[in-house]
Amino acid sequence: ACRCCGLVRVNTRLVDLLQKLRSRLGGKAVVITSGYRCPQHNQAVGGAGASQHLLGNAADITVAGVAPAAVAEAAGKAGFPGVGRYKTFTHVDVRPGSPVRW
């Protein structure tokens, strides 16, 4: 649940692709460090104004023993349209439209 409002919005496609990613990674736990964010929370954490987190379409994730770059590569192969690599985590989302990588 969002820390500010207590709400949860989750796109079921996000859940399905997270499970597909987990399978690709040998069943290792995919830990969601950030999911849905209400506008107040998104602003507080410095999220983008049009963040997919605001729609319940995104998750920032970690997988123990797997580098964020490797998680990002597996996420792309699992079918996530949005994949971002960061130093300590990987962002995945189910945005509409063309795939986006960063």
PDB file of N, CA and C in Angstrom:
ATOM      1  N   ALA A   1       0.838  -1.190   0.000  1.00  0.00           N
ATOM      2  CA  ALA A   1       0.000   0.000   0.000  1.00  0.00           C
ATOM      3  C   ALA A   1       0.880   1.249   0.000  1.00  0.00           C
ATOM      4  N   CYS A   2       0.361   2.287  -0.617  1.00  0.00           N
ATOM      5  CA  CYS A   2       1.086   3.552  -0.654  1.00  0.00           C
ATOM      6  C   CYS A   2       1.223   4.094   0.765  1.00  0.00           C
ATOM      7  N   ARG A   3       2.374   4.606   1.086  1.00  0.00           N
ATOM      8  CA  ARG A   3       2.633   5.094   2.444  1.00  0.00           C
ATOM      9  C   ARG A   3       1.802   6.316   2.805  1.00  0.00           C
ATOM     10  N   CYS A   4       1.400   7.099   1.821  1.00  0.00           N
ATOM     11  CA  CYS A   4       0.653   8.324   2.101  1.00  0.00           C
ATOM     12  C   CYS A   4      -0.849   8.085   2.231  1.00  0.00           C
ATOM     13  N   CYS A   5      -1.409   7.370   1.277  1.00  0.00           N
ATOM     14  CA  CYS A   5      -2.864   7.250   1.197  1.00  0.00           C
ATOM     15  C   CYS A   5      -3.388   5.866   1.567  1.00  0.00           C
ATOM     16  N   GLY A   6      -2.518   4.867   1.623  1.00  0.00           N
ATOM     17  CA  GLY A   6      -2.942   3.522   1.957  1.00  0.00           C
ATOM     18  C   GLY A   6      -3.577   2.761   0.803  1.00  0.00           C
ATOM     19  N   LEU A   7      -3.646   3.373  -0.379  1.00  0.00           N
ATOM     20  CA  LEU A   7      -4.262   2.735  -1.535  1.00  0.00           C
ATOM     21  C   LEU A   7      -3.276   1.834  -2.277  1.00  0.00           C
ATOM     22  N   VAL A   8      -3.844   0.897  -3.018  1.00  0.00           N
ATOM     23  CA  VAL A   8      -3.048   0.030  -3.879  1.00  0.00           C
ATOM     24  C   VAL A   8      -3.741  -0.024  -5.233  1.00  0.00           C
ATOM     25  N   ARG A   9      -2.997   0.266  -6.284  1.00  0.00           N
ATOM     26  CA  ARG A   9      -3.478   0.090  -7.648  1.00  0.00           C
ATOM     27  C   ARG A   9      -2.447  -0.782  -8.338  1.00  0.00           C
ATOM     28  N   VAL A  10      -2.886  -1.891  -8.906  1.00  0.00           N
ATOM     29  CA  VAL A  10      -1.943  -2.784  -9.568  1.00  0.00           C
ATOM     30  C   VAL A  10      -2.562  -3.278 -10.874  1.00  0.00           C
ATOM     31  N   ASN A  11      -1.859  -3.045 -11.959  1.00  0.00           N
ATOM     32  CA  ASN A  11      -2.266  -3.561 -13.253  1.00  0.00           C
ATOM     33  C   ASN A  11      -1.990  -5.063 -13.256  1.00  0.00           C
ATOM     34  N   THR A  12      -2.980  -5.870 -13.582  1.00  0.00           N
ATOM     35  CA  THR A  12      -2.782  -7.325 -13.556  1.00  0.00           C
ATOM     36  C   THR A  12      -1.734  -7.780 -14.567  1.00  0.00           C
ATOM     37  N   ARG A  13      -1.540  -7.020 -15.648  1.00  0.00           N
ATOM     38  CA  ARG A  13      -0.490  -7.370 -16.609  1.00  0.00           C
ATOM     39  C   ARG A  13       0.889  -7.257 -15.950  1.00  0.00           C
ATOM     40  N   LEU A  14       1.060  -6.267 -15.079  1.00  0.00           N
ATOM     41  CA  LEU A  14       2.317  -6.115 -14.340  1.00  0.00           C
ATOM     42  C   LEU A  14       2.572  -7.361 -13.499  1.00  0.00           C
ATOM     43  N   VAL A  15       1.556  -7.824 -12.802  1.00  0.00           N
ATOM     44  CA  VAL A  15       1.695  -9.021 -11.962  1.00  0.00           C
ATOM     45  C   VAL A  15       2.057 -10.235 -12.813  1.00  0.00           C
ATOM     46  N   ASP A  16       1.375 -10.395 -13.932  1.00  0.00           N
ATOM     47  CA  ASP A  16       1.650 -11.537 -14.813  1.00  0.00           C
ATOM     48  C   ASP A  16       3.091 -11.520 -15.329  1.00  0.00           C
ATOM     49  N   LEU A  17       3.566 -10.335 -15.740  1.00  0.00           N
ATOM     50  CA  LEU A  17       4.939 -10.265 -16.257  1.00  0.00           C
ATOM     51  C   LEU A  17       5.977 -10.406 -15.151  1.00  0.00           C
ATOM     52  N   LEU A  18       5.668  -9.961 -13.939  1.00  0.00           N
ATOM     53  CA  LEU A  18       6.586 -10.181 -12.821  1.00  0.00           C
ATOM     54  C   LEU A  18       6.737 -11.676 -12.552  1.00  0.00           C
ATOM     55  N   GLN A  19       5.651 -12.420 -12.656  1.00  0.00           N
ATOM     56  CA  GLN A  19       5.734 -13.874 -12.468  1.00  0.00           C
ATOM     57  C   GLN A  19       6.544 -14.511 -13.593  1.00  0.00           C
ATOM     58  N   LYS A  20       6.337 -14.034 -14.809  1.00  0.00           N
ATOM     59  CA  LYS A  20       7.108 -14.554 -15.947  1.00  0.00           C
ATOM     60  C   LYS A  20       8.595 -14.257 -15.750  1.00  0.00           C
ATOM     61  N   LEU A  21       8.913 -13.057 -15.253  1.00  0.00           N
ATOM     62  CA  LEU A  21      10.300 -12.692 -14.972  1.00  0.00           C
ATOM     63  C   LEU A  21      10.878 -13.608 -13.897  1.00  0.00           C
ATOM     64  N   ARG A  22      10.113 -13.850 -12.844  1.00  0.00           N
ATOM     65  CA  ARG A  22      10.587 -14.733 -11.774  1.00  0.00           C
ATOM     66  C   ARG A  22      10.928 -16.112 -12.332  1.00  0.00           C
ATOM     67  N   SER A  23      10.086 -16.627 -13.205  1.00  0.00           N
ATOM     68  CA  SER A  23      10.356 -17.934 -13.823  1.00  0.00           C
ATOM     69  C   SER A  23      11.636 -17.895 -14.647  1.00  0.00           C
ATOM     70  N   ARG A  24      11.835 -16.800 -15.395  1.00  0.00           N
ATOM     71  CA  ARG A  24      13.057 -16.655 -16.208  1.00  0.00           C
ATOM     72  C   ARG A  24      14.310 -16.626 -15.335  1.00  0.00           C
ATOM     73  N   LEU A  25      14.152 -16.168 -14.106  1.00  0.00           N
ATOM     74  CA  LEU A  25      15.290 -16.056 -13.192  1.00  0.00           C
ATOM     75  C   LEU A  25      15.396 -17.266 -12.271  1.00  0.00           C
ATOM     76  N   GLY A  26      14.834 -18.372 -12.699  1.00  0.00           N
ATOM     77  CA  GLY A  26      14.978 -19.618 -11.950  1.00  0.00           C
ATOM     78  C   GLY A  26      14.149 -19.700 -10.684  1.00  0.00           C
ATOM     79  N   GLY A  27      13.090 -18.916 -10.594  1.00  0.00           N
ATOM     80  CA  GLY A  27      12.222 -18.951  -9.419  1.00  0.00           C
ATOM     81  C   GLY A  27      12.696 -18.097  -8.264  1.00  0.00           C
ATOM     82  N   LYS A  28      13.759 -17.319  -8.467  1.00  0.00           N
ATOM     83  CA  LYS A  28      14.257 -16.452  -7.394  1.00  0.00           C
ATOM     84  C   LYS A  28      13.216 -15.395  -7.057  1.00  0.00           C
ATOM     85  N   ALA A  29      13.182 -15.004  -5.794  1.00  0.00           N
ATOM     86  CA  ALA A  29      12.228 -13.998  -5.336  1.00  0.00           C
ATOM     87  C   ALA A  29      12.504 -12.648  -5.995  1.00  0.00           C
ATOM     88  N   VAL A  30      11.451 -12.051  -6.501  1.00  0.00           N
ATOM     89  CA  VAL A  30      11.511 -10.699  -7.061  1.00  0.00           C
ATOM     90  C   VAL A  30      10.928  -9.784  -5.988  1.00  0.00           C
ATOM     91  N   VAL A  31      11.765  -8.942  -5.409  1.00  0.00           N
ATOM     92  CA  VAL A  31      11.342  -8.057  -4.317  1.00  0.00           C
ATOM     93  C   VAL A  31      10.945  -6.703  -4.899  1.00  0.00           C
ATOM     94  N   ILE A  32       9.717  -6.296  -4.629  1.00  0.00           N
ATOM     95  CA  ILE A  32       9.226  -4.993  -5.089  1.00  0.00           C
ATOM     96  C   ILE A  32       9.551  -3.960  -4.022  1.00  0.00           C
ATOM     97  N   THR A  33      10.407  -3.010  -4.379  1.00  0.00           N
ATOM     98  CA  THR A  33      10.795  -1.965  -3.432  1.00  0.00           C
ATOM     99  C   THR A  33       9.926  -0.724  -3.580  1.00  0.00           C
ATOM    100  N   SER A  34       9.273  -0.577  -4.721  1.00  0.00           N
ATOM    101  CA  SER A  34       8.342   0.526  -4.931  1.00  0.00           C
ATOM    102  C   SER A  34       7.340   0.103  -5.991  1.00  0.00           C
ATOM    103  N   GLY A  35       6.060   0.244  -5.682  1.00  0.00           N
ATOM    104  CA  GLY A  35       4.999  -0.097  -6.622  1.00  0.00           C
ATOM    105  C   GLY A  35       4.128   1.116  -6.876  1.00  0.00           C
ATOM    106  N   TYR A  36       2.831   0.993  -6.603  1.00  0.00           N
ATOM    107  CA  TYR A  36       1.924   2.125  -6.779  1.00  0.00           C
ATOM    108  C   TYR A  36       2.338   3.280  -5.883  1.00  0.00           C
ATOM    109  N   ARG A  37       2.255   4.485  -6.436  1.00  0.00           N
ATOM    110  CA  ARG A  37       2.507   5.708  -5.655  1.00  0.00           C
ATOM    111  C   ARG A  37       1.388   6.706  -5.937  1.00  0.00           C
ATOM    112  N   CYS A  38       0.794   7.256  -4.884  1.00  0.00           N
ATOM    113  CA  CYS A  38      -0.156   8.344  -5.083  1.00  0.00           C
ATOM    114  C   CYS A  38       0.663   9.585  -5.480  1.00  0.00           C
ATOM    115  N   PRO A  39       0.028  10.610  -6.026  1.00  0.00           N
ATOM    116  CA  PRO A  39       0.787  11.799  -6.450  1.00  0.00           C
ATOM    117  C   PRO A  39       1.658  12.400  -5.349  1.00  0.00           C
ATOM    118  N   GLN A  40       1.149  12.429  -4.123  1.00  0.00           N
ATOM    119  CA  GLN A  40       1.920  13.002  -3.008  1.00  0.00           C
ATOM    120  C   GLN A  40       3.188  12.205  -2.746  1.00  0.00           C
ATOM    121  N   HIS A  41       3.070  10.896  -2.693  1.00  0.00           N
ATOM    122  CA  HIS A  41       4.241  10.047  -2.438  1.00  0.00           C
ATOM    123  C   HIS A  41       5.222  10.106  -3.612  1.00  0.00           C
ATOM    124  N   ASN A  42       4.687  10.073  -4.832  1.00  0.00           N
ATOM    125  CA  ASN A  42       5.542  10.143  -6.013  1.00  0.00           C
ATOM    126  C   ASN A  42       6.387  11.414  -5.990  1.00  0.00           C
ATOM    127  N   GLN A  43       5.776  12.529  -5.638  1.00  0.00           N
ATOM    128  CA  GLN A  43       6.507  13.796  -5.557  1.00  0.00           C
ATOM    129  C   GLN A  43       7.549  13.745  -4.447  1.00  0.00           C
ATOM    130  N   ALA A  44       7.180  13.160  -3.309  1.00  0.00           N
ATOM    131  CA  ALA A  44       8.097  13.090  -2.167  1.00  0.00           C
ATOM    132  C   ALA A  44       9.351  12.287  -2.478  1.00  0.00           C
ATOM    133  N   VAL A  45       9.236  11.269  -3.329  1.00  0.00           N
ATOM    134  CA  VAL A  45      10.402  10.446  -3.660  1.00  0.00           C
ATOM    135  C   VAL A  45      11.094  10.902  -4.936  1.00  0.00           C
ATOM    136  N   GLY A  46      10.645  12.022  -5.502  1.00  0.00           N
ATOM    137  CA  GLY A  46      11.286  12.563  -6.700  1.00  0.00           C
ATOM    138  C   GLY A  46      10.926  11.830  -7.974  1.00  0.00           C
ATOM    139  N   GLY A  47       9.759  11.181  -7.985  1.00  0.00           N
ATOM    140  CA  GLY A  47       9.311  10.459  -9.178  1.00  0.00           C
ATOM    141  C   GLY A  47       8.936  11.404 -10.307  1.00  0.00           C
ATOM    142  N   ALA A  48       8.976  10.890 -11.517  1.00  0.00           N
ATOM    143  CA  ALA A  48       8.610  11.673 -12.695  1.00  0.00           C
ATOM    144  C   ALA A  48       7.136  12.058 -12.625  1.00  0.00           C
ATOM    145  N   GLY A  49       6.805  13.217 -13.160  1.00  0.00           N
ATOM    146  CA  GLY A  49       5.439  13.707 -13.128  1.00  0.00           C
ATOM    147  C   GLY A  49       4.451  12.783 -13.814  1.00  0.00           C
ATOM    148  N   ALA A  50       4.892  12.091 -14.856  1.00  0.00           N
ATOM    149  CA  ALA A  50       4.027  11.169 -15.585  1.00  0.00           C
ATOM    150  C   ALA A  50       4.438   9.716 -15.312  1.00  0.00           C
ATOM    151  N   SER A  51       4.918   9.454 -14.113  1.00  0.00           N
ATOM    152  CA  SER A  51       5.414   8.132 -13.744  1.00  0.00           C
ATOM    153  C   SER A  51       4.355   7.049 -13.911  1.00  0.00           C
ATOM    154  N   GLN A  52       4.770   5.907 -14.407  1.00  0.00           N
ATOM    155  CA  GLN A  52       3.885   4.758 -14.508  1.00  0.00           C
ATOM    156  C   GLN A  52       3.497   4.220 -13.130  1.00  0.00           C
ATOM    157  N   HIS A  53       4.277   4.580 -12.095  1.00  0.00           N
ATOM    158  CA  HIS A  53       3.931   4.195 -10.721  1.00  0.00           C
ATOM    159  C   HIS A  53       2.585   4.800 -10.316  1.00  0.00           C
ATOM    160  N   LEU A  54       2.260   5.976 -10.827  1.00  0.00           N
ATOM    161  CA  LEU A  54       1.006   6.652 -10.494  1.00  0.00           C
ATOM    162  C   LEU A  54      -0.212   5.884 -10.999  1.00  0.00           C
ATOM    163  N   LEU A  55      -0.015   5.046 -11.995  1.00  0.00           N
ATOM    164  CA  LEU A  55      -1.106   4.296 -12.616  1.00  0.00           C
ATOM    165  C   LEU A  55      -1.175   2.845 -12.159  1.00  0.00           C
ATOM    166  N   GLY A  56      -0.231   2.444 -11.327  1.00  0.00           N
ATOM    167  CA  GLY A  56      -0.176   1.036 -10.926  1.00  0.00           C
ATOM    168  C   GLY A  56       0.422   0.150 -12.000  1.00  0.00           C
ATOM    169  N   ASN A  57       1.153   0.770 -12.925  1.00  0.00           N
ATOM    170  CA  ASN A  57       1.750   0.051 -14.056  1.00  0.00           C
ATOM    171  C   ASN A  57       3.218  -0.282 -13.849  1.00  0.00           C
ATOM    172  N   ALA A  58       3.816   0.097 -12.723  1.00  0.00           N
ATOM    173  CA  ALA A  58       5.267  -0.017 -12.581  1.00  0.00           C
ATOM    174  C   ALA A  58       5.673  -0.589 -11.225  1.00  0.00           C
ATOM    175  N   ALA A  59       6.873  -1.169 -11.221  1.00  0.00           N
ATOM    176  CA  ALA A  59       7.493  -1.640  -9.989  1.00  0.00           C
ATOM    177  C   ALA A  59       8.994  -1.459 -10.098  1.00  0.00           C
ATOM    178  N   ASP A  60       9.594  -1.040  -9.005  1.00  0.00           N
ATOM    179  CA  ASP A  60      11.044  -1.041  -8.879  1.00  0.00           C
ATOM    180  C   ASP A  60      11.364  -2.323  -8.122  1.00  0.00           C
ATOM    181  N   ILE A  61      12.300  -3.093  -8.643  1.00  0.00           N
ATOM    182  CA  ILE A  61      12.526  -4.433  -8.104  1.00  0.00           C
ATOM    183  C   ILE A  61      14.003  -4.740  -7.892  1.00  0.00           C
ATOM    184  N   THR A  62      14.245  -5.708  -7.021  1.00  0.00           N
ATOM    185  CA  THR A  62      15.573  -6.290  -6.839  1.00  0.00           C
ATOM    186  C   THR A  62      15.417  -7.805  -6.801  1.00  0.00           C
ATOM    187  N   VAL A  63      16.486  -8.490  -7.160  1.00  0.00           N
ATOM    188  CA  VAL A  63      16.527  -9.948  -7.088  1.00  0.00           C
ATOM    189  C   VAL A  63      17.873 -10.300  -6.464  1.00  0.00           C
ATOM    190  N   ALA A  64      17.846 -10.927  -5.304  1.00  0.00           N
ATOM    191  CA  ALA A  64      19.079 -11.248  -4.588  1.00  0.00           C
ATOM    192  C   ALA A  64      20.014 -12.070  -5.463  1.00  0.00           C
ATOM    193  N   GLY A  65      21.267 -11.627  -5.539  1.00  0.00           N
ATOM    194  CA  GLY A  65      22.280 -12.352  -6.285  1.00  0.00           C
ATOM    195  C   GLY A  65      22.261 -12.106  -7.779  1.00  0.00           C
ATOM    196  N   VAL A  66      21.376 -11.209  -8.248  1.00  0.00           N
ATOM    197  CA  VAL A  66      21.300 -10.916  -9.675  1.00  0.00           C
ATOM    198  C   VAL A  66      21.486  -9.412  -9.860  1.00  0.00           C
ATOM    199  N   ALA A  67      22.458  -9.028 -10.653  1.00  0.00           N
ATOM    200  CA  ALA A  67      22.746  -7.608 -10.891  1.00  0.00           C
ATOM    201  C   ALA A  67      21.577  -6.939 -11.610  1.00  0.00           C
ATOM    202  N   PRO A  68      21.317  -5.657 -11.299  1.00  0.00           N
ATOM    203  CA  PRO A  68      20.232  -4.944 -11.965  1.00  0.00           C
ATOM    204  C   PRO A  68      20.295  -5.020 -13.492  1.00  0.00           C
ATOM    205  N   ALA A  69      21.478  -4.998 -14.065  1.00  0.00           N
ATOM    206  CA  ALA A  69      21.596  -5.086 -15.525  1.00  0.00           C
ATOM    207  C   ALA A  69      21.089  -6.438 -16.030  1.00  0.00           C
ATOM    208  N   ALA A  70      21.384  -7.497 -15.307  1.00  0.00           N
ATOM    209  CA  ALA A  70      20.912  -8.834 -15.702  1.00  0.00           C
ATOM    210  C   ALA A  70      19.406  -8.960 -15.508  1.00  0.00           C
ATOM    211  N   VAL A  71      18.884  -8.351 -14.449  1.00  0.00           N
ATOM    212  CA  VAL A  71      17.431  -8.343 -14.234  1.00  0.00           C
ATOM    213  C   VAL A  71      16.764  -7.584 -15.376  1.00  0.00           C
ATOM    214  N   ALA A  72      17.347  -6.449 -15.762  1.00  0.00           N
ATOM    215  CA  ALA A  72      16.792  -5.644 -16.858  1.00  0.00           C
ATOM    216  C   ALA A  72      16.767  -6.434 -18.160  1.00  0.00           C
ATOM    217  N   GLU A  73      17.838  -7.156 -18.437  1.00  0.00           N
ATOM    218  CA  GLU A  73      17.893  -7.955 -19.662  1.00  0.00           C
ATOM    219  C   GLU A  73      16.804  -9.030 -19.656  1.00  0.00           C
ATOM    220  N   ALA A  74      16.652  -9.702 -18.516  1.00  0.00           N
ATOM    221  CA  ALA A  74      15.626 -10.738 -18.399  1.00  0.00           C
ATOM    222  C   ALA A  74      14.227 -10.128 -18.484  1.00  0.00           C
ATOM    223  N   ALA A  75      14.044  -8.931 -17.939  1.00  0.00           N
ATOM    224  CA  ALA A  75      12.743  -8.262 -17.986  1.00  0.00           C
ATOM    225  C   ALA A  75      12.349  -7.932 -19.422  1.00  0.00           C
ATOM    226  N   GLY A  76      13.312  -7.485 -20.207  1.00  0.00           N
ATOM    227  CA  GLY A  76      13.038  -7.212 -21.613  1.00  0.00           C
ATOM    228  C   GLY A  76      12.608  -8.474 -22.338  1.00  0.00           C
ATOM    229  N   LYS A  77      13.287  -9.579 -22.059  1.00  0.00           N
ATOM    230  CA  LYS A  77      12.949 -10.854 -22.691  1.00  0.00           C
ATOM    231  C   LYS A  77      11.602 -11.396 -22.197  1.00  0.00           C
ATOM    232  N   ALA A  78      11.217 -11.006 -20.974  1.00  0.00           N
ATOM    233  CA  ALA A  78       9.932 -11.444 -20.422  1.00  0.00           C
ATOM    234  C   ALA A  78       8.764 -10.668 -21.029  1.00  0.00           C
ATOM    235  N   GLY A  79       9.072  -9.546 -21.698  1.00  0.00           N
ATOM    236  CA  GLY A  79       8.021  -8.797 -22.375  1.00  0.00           C
ATOM    237  C   GLY A  79       7.633  -7.467 -21.776  1.00  0.00           C
ATOM    238  N   PHE A  80       8.387  -6.975 -20.791  1.00  0.00           N
ATOM    239  CA  PHE A  80       8.067  -5.663 -20.221  1.00  0.00           C
ATOM    240  C   PHE A  80       8.315  -4.565 -21.258  1.00  0.00           C
ATOM    241  N   PRO A  81       7.326  -3.704 -21.506  1.00  0.00           N
ATOM    242  CA  PRO A  81       7.531  -2.591 -22.438  1.00  0.00           C
ATOM    243  C   PRO A  81       8.501  -1.533 -21.894  1.00  0.00           C
ATOM    244  N   GLY A  82       8.453  -1.292 -20.587  1.00  0.00           N
ATOM    245  CA  GLY A  82       9.339  -0.307 -19.968  1.00  0.00           C
ATOM    246  C   GLY A  82      10.331  -0.978 -19.049  1.00  0.00           C
ATOM    247  N   VAL A  83      11.629  -0.729 -19.281  1.00  0.00           N
ATOM    248  CA  VAL A  83      12.681  -1.312 -18.443  1.00  0.00           C
ATOM    249  C   VAL A  83      13.766  -0.262 -18.231  1.00  0.00           C
ATOM    250  N   GLY A  84      14.050   0.023 -16.957  1.00  0.00           N
ATOM    251  CA  GLY A  84      15.108   0.974 -16.624  1.00  0.00           C
ATOM    252  C   GLY A  84      16.113   0.340 -15.687  1.00  0.00           C
ATOM    253  N   ARG A  85      17.393   0.529 -16.000  1.00  0.00           N
ATOM    254  CA  ARG A  85      18.469  -0.010 -15.154  1.00  0.00           C
ATOM    255  C   ARG A  85      19.016   1.098 -14.270  1.00  0.00           C
ATOM    256  N   TYR A  86      19.088   0.811 -13.002  1.00  0.00           N
ATOM    257  CA  TYR A  86      19.678   1.732 -12.031  1.00  0.00           C
ATOM    258  C   TYR A  86      20.773   0.990 -11.283  1.00  0.00           C
ATOM    259  N   LYS A  87      21.542   1.712 -10.500  1.00  0.00           N
ATOM    260  CA  LYS A  87      22.690   1.106  -9.817  1.00  0.00           C
ATOM    261  C   LYS A  87      22.275  -0.012  -8.854  1.00  0.00           C
ATOM    262  N   THR A  88      21.182   0.180  -8.110  1.00  0.00           N
ATOM    263  CA  THR A  88      20.811  -0.783  -7.074  1.00  0.00           C
ATOM    264  C   THR A  88      19.474  -1.485  -7.308  1.00  0.00           C
ATOM    265  N   PHE A  89      18.773  -1.143  -8.380  1.00  0.00           N
ATOM    266  CA  PHE A  89      17.479  -1.768  -8.646  1.00  0.00           C
ATOM    267  C   PHE A  89      17.152  -1.674 -10.134  1.00  0.00           C
ATOM    268  N   THR A  90      16.066  -2.336 -10.515  1.00  0.00           N
ATOM    269  CA  THR A  90      15.586  -2.303 -11.892  1.00  0.00           C
ATOM    270  C   THR A  90      14.134  -1.828 -11.876  1.00  0.00           C
ATOM    271  N   HIS A  91      13.796  -0.936 -12.785  1.00  0.00           N
ATOM    272  CA  HIS A  91      12.417  -0.470 -12.951  1.00  0.00           C
ATOM    273  C   HIS A  91      11.798  -1.265 -14.090  1.00  0.00           C
ATOM    274  N   VAL A  92      10.581  -1.769 -13.879  1.00  0.00           N
ATOM    275  CA  VAL A  92       9.830  -2.434 -14.941  1.00  0.00           C
ATOM    276  C   VAL A  92       8.429  -1.839 -14.984  1.00  0.00           C
ATOM    277  N   ASP A  93       7.867  -1.746 -16.185  1.00  0.00           N
ATOM    278  CA  ASP A  93       6.490  -1.268 -16.276  1.00  0.00           C
ATOM    279  C   ASP A  93       5.793  -1.810 -17.501  1.00  0.00           C
ATOM    280  N   VAL A  94       4.476  -1.655 -17.490  1.00  0.00           N
ATOM    281  CA  VAL A  94       3.627  -2.153 -18.570  1.00  0.00           C
ATOM    282  C   VAL A  94       2.935  -0.995 -19.290  1.00  0.00           C
ATOM    283  N   ARG A  95       3.690   0.052 -19.548  1.00  0.00           N
ATOM    284  CA  ARG A  95       3.174   1.226 -20.263  1.00  0.00           C
ATOM    285  C   ARG A  95       2.643   0.826 -21.628  1.00  0.00           C
ATOM    286  N   PRO A  96       1.661   1.571 -22.121  1.00  0.00           N
ATOM    287  CA  PRO A  96       1.186   1.326 -23.480  1.00  0.00           C
ATOM    288  C   PRO A  96       2.186   1.888 -24.498  1.00  0.00           C
ATOM    289  N   GLY A  97       2.116   1.402 -25.713  1.00  0.00           N
ATOM    290  CA  GLY A  97       2.966   1.944 -26.777  1.00  0.00           C
ATOM    291  C   GLY A  97       4.252   1.169 -26.959  1.00  0.00           C
ATOM    292  N   SER A  98       5.168   1.830 -27.620  1.00  0.00           N
ATOM    293  CA  SER A  98       6.447   1.227 -27.993  1.00  0.00           C
ATOM    294  C   SER A  98       7.330   0.972 -26.765  1.00  0.00           C
ATOM    295  N   PRO A  99       8.155  -0.075 -26.821  1.00  0.00           N
ATOM    296  CA  PRO A  99       9.076  -0.343 -25.731  1.00  0.00           C
ATOM    297  C   PRO A  99      10.050   0.812 -25.481  1.00  0.00           C
ATOM    298  N   VAL A 100      10.360   1.006 -24.212  1.00  0.00           N
ATOM    299  CA  VAL A 100      11.283   2.062 -23.790  1.00  0.00           C
ATOM    300  C   VAL A 100      12.324   1.431 -22.883  1.00  0.00           C
ATOM    301  N   ARG A 101      13.594   1.765 -23.127  1.00  0.00           N
ATOM    302  CA  ARG A 101      14.706   1.260 -22.297  1.00  0.00           C
ATOM    303  C   ARG A 101      15.572   2.434 -21.877  1.00  0.00           C
ATOM    304  N   TRP A 102      16.056   2.391 -20.640  1.00  0.00           N
ATOM    305  CA  TRP A 102      17.004   3.387 -20.169  1.00  0.00           C
ATOM    306  C   TRP A 102      17.884   2.798 -19.100  1.00  0.00           C
TER     307      TRP A 102
END
